[in-house]
């Protein structure tokens, strides 16, 4: 909470659909969820708990968009995904809840 750190977002193939993973730059902690927003919500919750533990004031909101944080709402990424699925399946645009996929 006292410094800026980087996180890496990964989308893994799970047995029942994608698994979304966010990894702290130091390798730990690792957060996983079946939704993008669920994954990033865990990150925010962990940071907020640490802020509280260290008695650091928090200014700003706590809302976060998993699809934005994973980068899949960026127009170039959407275009690539649409091209990958052309003629094979329909790409489902991400929702605020963090779900997306192929139909």
N, C-alpha and C. Protein backbone atom coordinates (compact mmCIF):
# COMPACT_ATOMS: atom_id res chain seq x y z
N UNK A 1 0.79 -1.22 0.00
CA UNK A 1 0.00 0.00 0.00
C UNK A 1 0.83 1.28 0.00
N UNK A 2 2.12 1.19 0.31
CA UNK A 2 2.94 2.39 0.35
C UNK A 2 3.69 2.65 -0.96
N UNK A 3 3.67 1.71 -1.89
CA UNK A 3 4.35 1.90 -3.16
C UNK A 3 3.53 1.29 -4.29
N UNK A 4 3.85 1.72 -5.48
CA UNK A 4 3.18 1.18 -6.66
C UNK A 4 3.89 -0.11 -7.08
N UNK A 5 3.09 -1.13 -7.36
CA UNK A 5 3.63 -2.41 -7.82
C UNK A 5 2.90 -2.83 -9.10
N UNK A 6 3.49 -3.75 -9.80
CA UNK A 6 2.88 -4.27 -11.03
C UNK A 6 2.24 -5.62 -10.75
N UNK A 7 1.19 -5.89 -11.50
CA UNK A 7 0.52 -7.18 -11.45
C UNK A 7 0.44 -7.70 -12.88
N UNK A 8 0.50 -9.01 -13.02
CA UNK A 8 0.33 -9.66 -14.32
C UNK A 8 -0.99 -10.39 -14.32
N UNK A 9 -1.79 -10.16 -15.34
CA UNK A 9 -3.07 -10.84 -15.49
C UNK A 9 -2.92 -11.94 -16.52
N UNK A 10 -3.42 -13.12 -16.20
CA UNK A 10 -3.38 -14.25 -17.13
C UNK A 10 -4.75 -14.90 -17.22
N UNK A 11 -5.05 -15.41 -18.39
CA UNK A 11 -6.28 -16.18 -18.59
C UNK A 11 -5.84 -17.60 -18.93
N UNK A 12 -6.24 -18.53 -18.08
CA UNK A 12 -5.84 -19.93 -18.22
C UNK A 12 -7.03 -20.78 -18.67
N UNK A 13 -6.73 -21.87 -19.30
CA UNK A 13 -7.77 -22.81 -19.71
C UNK A 13 -8.09 -23.71 -18.52
N UNK A 14 -9.34 -23.65 -18.06
CA UNK A 14 -9.78 -24.52 -16.98
C UNK A 14 -10.66 -25.63 -17.51
N UNK A 15 -10.97 -26.59 -16.69
CA UNK A 15 -11.81 -27.70 -17.13
C UNK A 15 -13.26 -27.28 -17.36
N UNK A 16 -13.71 -26.26 -16.61
CA UNK A 16 -15.09 -25.77 -16.74
C UNK A 16 -15.15 -24.34 -17.26
N UNK A 17 -14.18 -23.94 -18.07
CA UNK A 17 -14.14 -22.57 -18.57
C UNK A 17 -12.84 -21.90 -18.14
N UNK A 18 -12.71 -20.62 -18.48
CA UNK A 18 -11.45 -19.94 -18.17
C UNK A 18 -11.24 -19.73 -16.67
N UNK A 19 -9.96 -19.68 -16.31
CA UNK A 19 -9.56 -19.32 -14.95
C UNK A 19 -8.76 -18.03 -15.09
N UNK A 20 -9.15 -17.03 -14.35
CA UNK A 20 -8.49 -15.74 -14.41
C UNK A 20 -7.53 -15.64 -13.23
N UNK A 21 -6.30 -15.26 -13.54
CA UNK A 21 -5.26 -15.21 -12.51
C UNK A 21 -4.56 -13.85 -12.55
N UNK A 22 -4.31 -13.28 -11.38
CA UNK A 22 -3.54 -12.05 -11.23
C UNK A 22 -2.40 -12.35 -10.28
N UNK A 23 -1.18 -11.99 -10.70
CA UNK A 23 0.01 -12.31 -9.92
C UNK A 23 0.75 -11.02 -9.57
N UNK A 24 1.06 -10.85 -8.29
CA UNK A 24 1.85 -9.72 -7.81
C UNK A 24 3.25 -9.81 -8.42
N UNK A 25 3.90 -8.67 -8.64
CA UNK A 25 5.22 -8.66 -9.29
C UNK A 25 6.27 -9.49 -8.54
N UNK A 26 6.08 -9.69 -7.25
CA UNK A 26 7.01 -10.50 -6.48
C UNK A 26 6.71 -11.99 -6.55
N UNK A 27 5.64 -12.36 -7.27
CA UNK A 27 5.28 -13.77 -7.40
C UNK A 27 4.19 -14.19 -6.43
N UNK A 28 4.07 -13.49 -5.35
CA UNK A 28 3.01 -13.76 -4.37
C UNK A 28 2.50 -12.42 -3.87
N UNK A 29 1.22 -12.30 -3.60
CA UNK A 29 0.20 -13.34 -3.71
C UNK A 29 -0.28 -13.56 -5.15
N UNK A 30 -0.96 -14.69 -5.32
CA UNK A 30 -1.60 -15.05 -6.58
C UNK A 30 -3.10 -15.11 -6.32
N UNK A 31 -3.86 -14.46 -7.18
CA UNK A 31 -5.32 -14.42 -7.03
C UNK A 31 -5.94 -15.15 -8.21
N UNK A 32 -6.96 -15.97 -7.96
CA UNK A 32 -7.64 -16.70 -9.04
C UNK A 32 -9.15 -16.64 -8.83
N UNK A 33 -9.86 -16.62 -9.95
CA UNK A 33 -11.32 -16.61 -9.91
C UNK A 33 -11.85 -17.10 -11.26
N UNK A 34 -13.12 -17.40 -11.28
CA UNK A 34 -13.78 -17.78 -12.53
C UNK A 34 -14.26 -16.54 -13.29
N UNK A 35 -14.08 -15.35 -12.70
CA UNK A 35 -14.42 -14.11 -13.40
C UNK A 35 -13.27 -13.12 -13.26
N UNK A 36 -13.15 -12.26 -14.25
CA UNK A 36 -12.09 -11.25 -14.23
C UNK A 36 -12.28 -10.28 -13.07
N UNK A 37 -13.51 -9.82 -12.90
CA UNK A 37 -13.78 -8.87 -11.82
C UNK A 37 -13.60 -9.52 -10.47
N UNK A 38 -13.99 -10.78 -10.34
CA UNK A 38 -13.79 -11.49 -9.08
C UNK A 38 -12.33 -11.56 -8.70
N UNK A 39 -11.49 -11.77 -9.69
CA UNK A 39 -10.05 -11.85 -9.46
C UNK A 39 -9.51 -10.51 -8.97
N UNK A 40 -9.85 -9.44 -9.68
CA UNK A 40 -9.35 -8.12 -9.29
C UNK A 40 -9.98 -7.61 -8.00
N UNK A 41 -11.18 -8.07 -7.68
CA UNK A 41 -11.80 -7.71 -6.40
C UNK A 41 -10.98 -8.28 -5.25
N UNK A 42 -10.45 -9.48 -5.43
CA UNK A 42 -9.57 -10.07 -4.41
C UNK A 42 -8.32 -9.22 -4.20
N UNK A 43 -7.76 -8.71 -5.30
CA UNK A 43 -6.57 -7.86 -5.20
C UNK A 43 -6.90 -6.62 -4.37
N UNK A 44 -7.99 -5.94 -4.72
CA UNK A 44 -8.38 -4.72 -4.02
C UNK A 44 -8.66 -5.00 -2.55
N UNK A 45 -9.34 -6.10 -2.27
CA UNK A 45 -9.63 -6.47 -0.87
C UNK A 45 -8.35 -6.68 -0.07
N UNK A 46 -7.37 -7.35 -0.69
CA UNK A 46 -6.10 -7.61 -0.02
C UNK A 46 -5.34 -6.30 0.24
N UNK A 47 -5.31 -5.42 -0.75
CA UNK A 47 -4.64 -4.13 -0.58
C UNK A 47 -5.34 -3.30 0.50
N UNK A 48 -6.66 -3.29 0.48
CA UNK A 48 -7.40 -2.53 1.49
C UNK A 48 -7.17 -3.08 2.89
N UNK A 49 -7.10 -4.39 3.03
CA UNK A 49 -6.84 -5.00 4.34
C UNK A 49 -5.45 -4.58 4.85
N UNK A 50 -4.48 -4.56 3.94
CA UNK A 50 -3.13 -4.16 4.32
C UNK A 50 -3.09 -2.68 4.70
N UNK A 51 -3.82 -1.85 3.96
CA UNK A 51 -3.92 -0.42 4.30
C UNK A 51 -4.48 -0.25 5.71
N UNK A 52 -5.53 -1.00 6.00
CA UNK A 52 -6.16 -0.90 7.32
C UNK A 52 -5.17 -1.35 8.41
N UNK A 53 -4.48 -2.46 8.15
CA UNK A 53 -3.50 -2.99 9.10
C UNK A 53 -2.40 -1.96 9.40
N UNK A 54 -1.98 -1.23 8.36
CA UNK A 54 -0.92 -0.24 8.51
C UNK A 54 -1.44 1.15 8.86
N UNK A 55 -2.75 1.27 9.04
CA UNK A 55 -3.42 2.53 9.37
C UNK A 55 -3.11 3.61 8.32
N UNK A 56 -3.25 3.22 7.04
CA UNK A 56 -3.03 4.14 5.93
C UNK A 56 -4.40 4.57 5.42
N UNK A 57 -4.59 5.89 5.37
CA UNK A 57 -5.85 6.42 4.85
C UNK A 57 -5.99 6.07 3.37
N UNK A 58 -7.22 5.77 2.99
CA UNK A 58 -7.51 5.44 1.59
C UNK A 58 -8.39 6.53 1.01
N UNK A 59 -7.92 7.14 -0.07
CA UNK A 59 -8.69 8.17 -0.76
C UNK A 59 -9.10 7.60 -2.10
N UNK A 60 -10.38 7.68 -2.40
CA UNK A 60 -10.86 7.18 -3.68
C UNK A 60 -11.80 6.01 -3.50
N UNK A 61 -12.30 5.52 -4.61
CA UNK A 61 -13.27 4.44 -4.56
C UNK A 61 -12.61 3.07 -4.54
N UNK A 62 -13.46 2.07 -4.47
CA UNK A 62 -13.00 0.69 -4.44
C UNK A 62 -13.55 -0.12 -5.60
N UNK A 63 -14.21 0.52 -6.54
CA UNK A 63 -14.76 -0.25 -7.66
C UNK A 63 -13.68 -0.51 -8.69
N UNK A 64 -13.81 -1.65 -9.36
CA UNK A 64 -12.81 -2.04 -10.36
C UNK A 64 -13.50 -2.87 -11.43
N UNK A 65 -13.04 -2.72 -12.64
CA UNK A 65 -13.58 -3.50 -13.76
C UNK A 65 -12.55 -4.55 -14.17
N UNK A 66 -12.88 -5.80 -13.97
CA UNK A 66 -11.99 -6.88 -14.36
C UNK A 66 -11.66 -6.87 -15.84
N UNK A 67 -12.66 -6.74 -16.73
CA UNK A 67 -12.36 -6.71 -18.15
C UNK A 67 -11.39 -5.58 -18.53
N UNK A 68 -11.54 -4.42 -17.90
CA UNK A 68 -10.62 -3.31 -18.18
C UNK A 68 -9.23 -3.66 -17.67
N UNK A 69 -9.13 -4.19 -16.46
CA UNK A 69 -7.83 -4.52 -15.88
C UNK A 69 -7.13 -5.65 -16.65
N UNK A 70 -7.89 -6.58 -17.21
CA UNK A 70 -7.30 -7.65 -18.01
C UNK A 70 -6.97 -7.17 -19.43
N UNK A 71 -7.45 -5.99 -19.79
CA UNK A 71 -7.12 -5.40 -21.08
C UNK A 71 -7.98 -5.86 -22.24
N UNK A 72 -9.00 -6.65 -21.98
CA UNK A 72 -9.77 -7.20 -23.11
C UNK A 72 -10.82 -6.25 -23.65
N UNK A 73 -10.99 -5.09 -23.03
CA UNK A 73 -11.94 -4.12 -23.58
C UNK A 73 -11.23 -3.13 -24.51
N UNK A 74 -9.92 -3.22 -24.58
CA UNK A 74 -9.17 -2.34 -25.48
C UNK A 74 -9.57 -2.67 -26.92
N UNK A 75 -9.86 -1.65 -27.72
CA UNK A 75 -10.34 -1.90 -29.09
C UNK A 75 -9.44 -2.83 -29.92
N UNK A 76 -8.14 -2.72 -29.78
CA UNK A 76 -7.24 -3.60 -30.56
C UNK A 76 -7.36 -5.05 -30.11
N UNK A 77 -7.54 -5.27 -28.83
CA UNK A 77 -7.68 -6.63 -28.32
C UNK A 77 -9.02 -7.22 -28.77
N UNK A 78 -10.07 -6.42 -28.69
CA UNK A 78 -11.38 -6.88 -29.15
C UNK A 78 -11.31 -7.28 -30.62
N UNK A 79 -10.63 -6.48 -31.43
CA UNK A 79 -10.50 -6.78 -32.86
C UNK A 79 -9.74 -8.09 -33.08
N UNK A 80 -8.65 -8.29 -32.36
CA UNK A 80 -7.88 -9.52 -32.49
C UNK A 80 -8.73 -10.73 -32.12
N UNK A 81 -9.46 -10.62 -31.02
CA UNK A 81 -10.31 -11.74 -30.59
C UNK A 81 -11.41 -12.02 -31.61
N UNK A 82 -11.98 -10.97 -32.17
CA UNK A 82 -13.01 -11.17 -33.18
C UNK A 82 -12.42 -11.84 -34.42
N UNK A 83 -11.23 -11.45 -34.83
CA UNK A 83 -10.58 -12.06 -36.00
C UNK A 83 -10.22 -13.52 -35.74
N UNK A 84 -9.80 -13.83 -34.52
CA UNK A 84 -9.46 -15.21 -34.18
C UNK A 84 -10.67 -16.14 -34.26
N UNK A 85 -11.82 -15.59 -33.96
CA UNK A 85 -13.01 -16.42 -33.89
C UNK A 85 -13.87 -16.33 -35.14
N UNK A 86 -13.45 -15.55 -36.14
CA UNK A 86 -14.24 -15.37 -37.37
C UNK A 86 -14.53 -16.71 -38.02
N UNK A 87 -15.81 -16.97 -38.23
CA UNK A 87 -16.22 -18.19 -38.90
C UNK A 87 -16.23 -19.44 -38.02
N UNK A 88 -15.71 -19.34 -36.83
CA UNK A 88 -15.65 -20.50 -35.95
C UNK A 88 -16.63 -20.38 -34.79
N UNK A 89 -16.65 -19.24 -34.19
CA UNK A 89 -17.49 -19.01 -33.02
C UNK A 89 -17.70 -17.52 -32.88
N UNK A 90 -18.63 -17.14 -32.07
CA UNK A 90 -18.92 -15.73 -31.84
C UNK A 90 -18.31 -15.30 -30.52
N UNK A 91 -17.51 -14.24 -30.56
CA UNK A 91 -16.92 -13.70 -29.35
C UNK A 91 -17.99 -12.95 -28.57
N UNK A 92 -18.11 -13.25 -27.30
CA UNK A 92 -19.08 -12.58 -26.44
C UNK A 92 -18.35 -11.45 -25.73
N UNK A 93 -18.80 -10.21 -25.96
CA UNK A 93 -18.16 -9.05 -25.34
C UNK A 93 -18.17 -9.19 -23.83
N UNK A 94 -17.11 -8.71 -23.17
CA UNK A 94 -17.06 -8.81 -21.71
C UNK A 94 -18.14 -7.97 -21.06
N UNK A 95 -18.64 -8.44 -19.95
CA UNK A 95 -19.61 -7.70 -19.17
C UNK A 95 -18.92 -7.11 -17.96
N UNK A 96 -19.58 -6.24 -17.28
CA UNK A 96 -19.00 -5.62 -16.09
C UNK A 96 -18.68 -6.65 -15.03
N UNK A 97 -19.42 -7.74 -15.00
CA UNK A 97 -19.14 -8.81 -14.04
C UNK A 97 -17.90 -9.63 -14.37
N UNK A 98 -17.33 -9.37 -15.54
CA UNK A 98 -16.09 -10.02 -15.88
C UNK A 98 -16.22 -11.28 -16.71
N UNK A 99 -17.43 -11.57 -17.19
CA UNK A 99 -17.58 -12.79 -17.98
C UNK A 99 -17.46 -12.46 -19.46
N UNK A 100 -16.86 -13.35 -20.19
CA UNK A 100 -16.78 -13.24 -21.64
C UNK A 100 -16.50 -14.64 -22.15
N UNK A 101 -16.40 -14.78 -23.43
CA UNK A 101 -16.09 -16.09 -23.95
C UNK A 101 -16.49 -16.25 -25.38
N UNK A 102 -16.63 -17.49 -25.78
CA UNK A 102 -17.00 -17.81 -27.15
C UNK A 102 -18.28 -18.62 -27.14
N UNK A 103 -19.14 -18.32 -28.07
CA UNK A 103 -20.38 -19.09 -28.24
C UNK A 103 -20.30 -19.86 -29.53
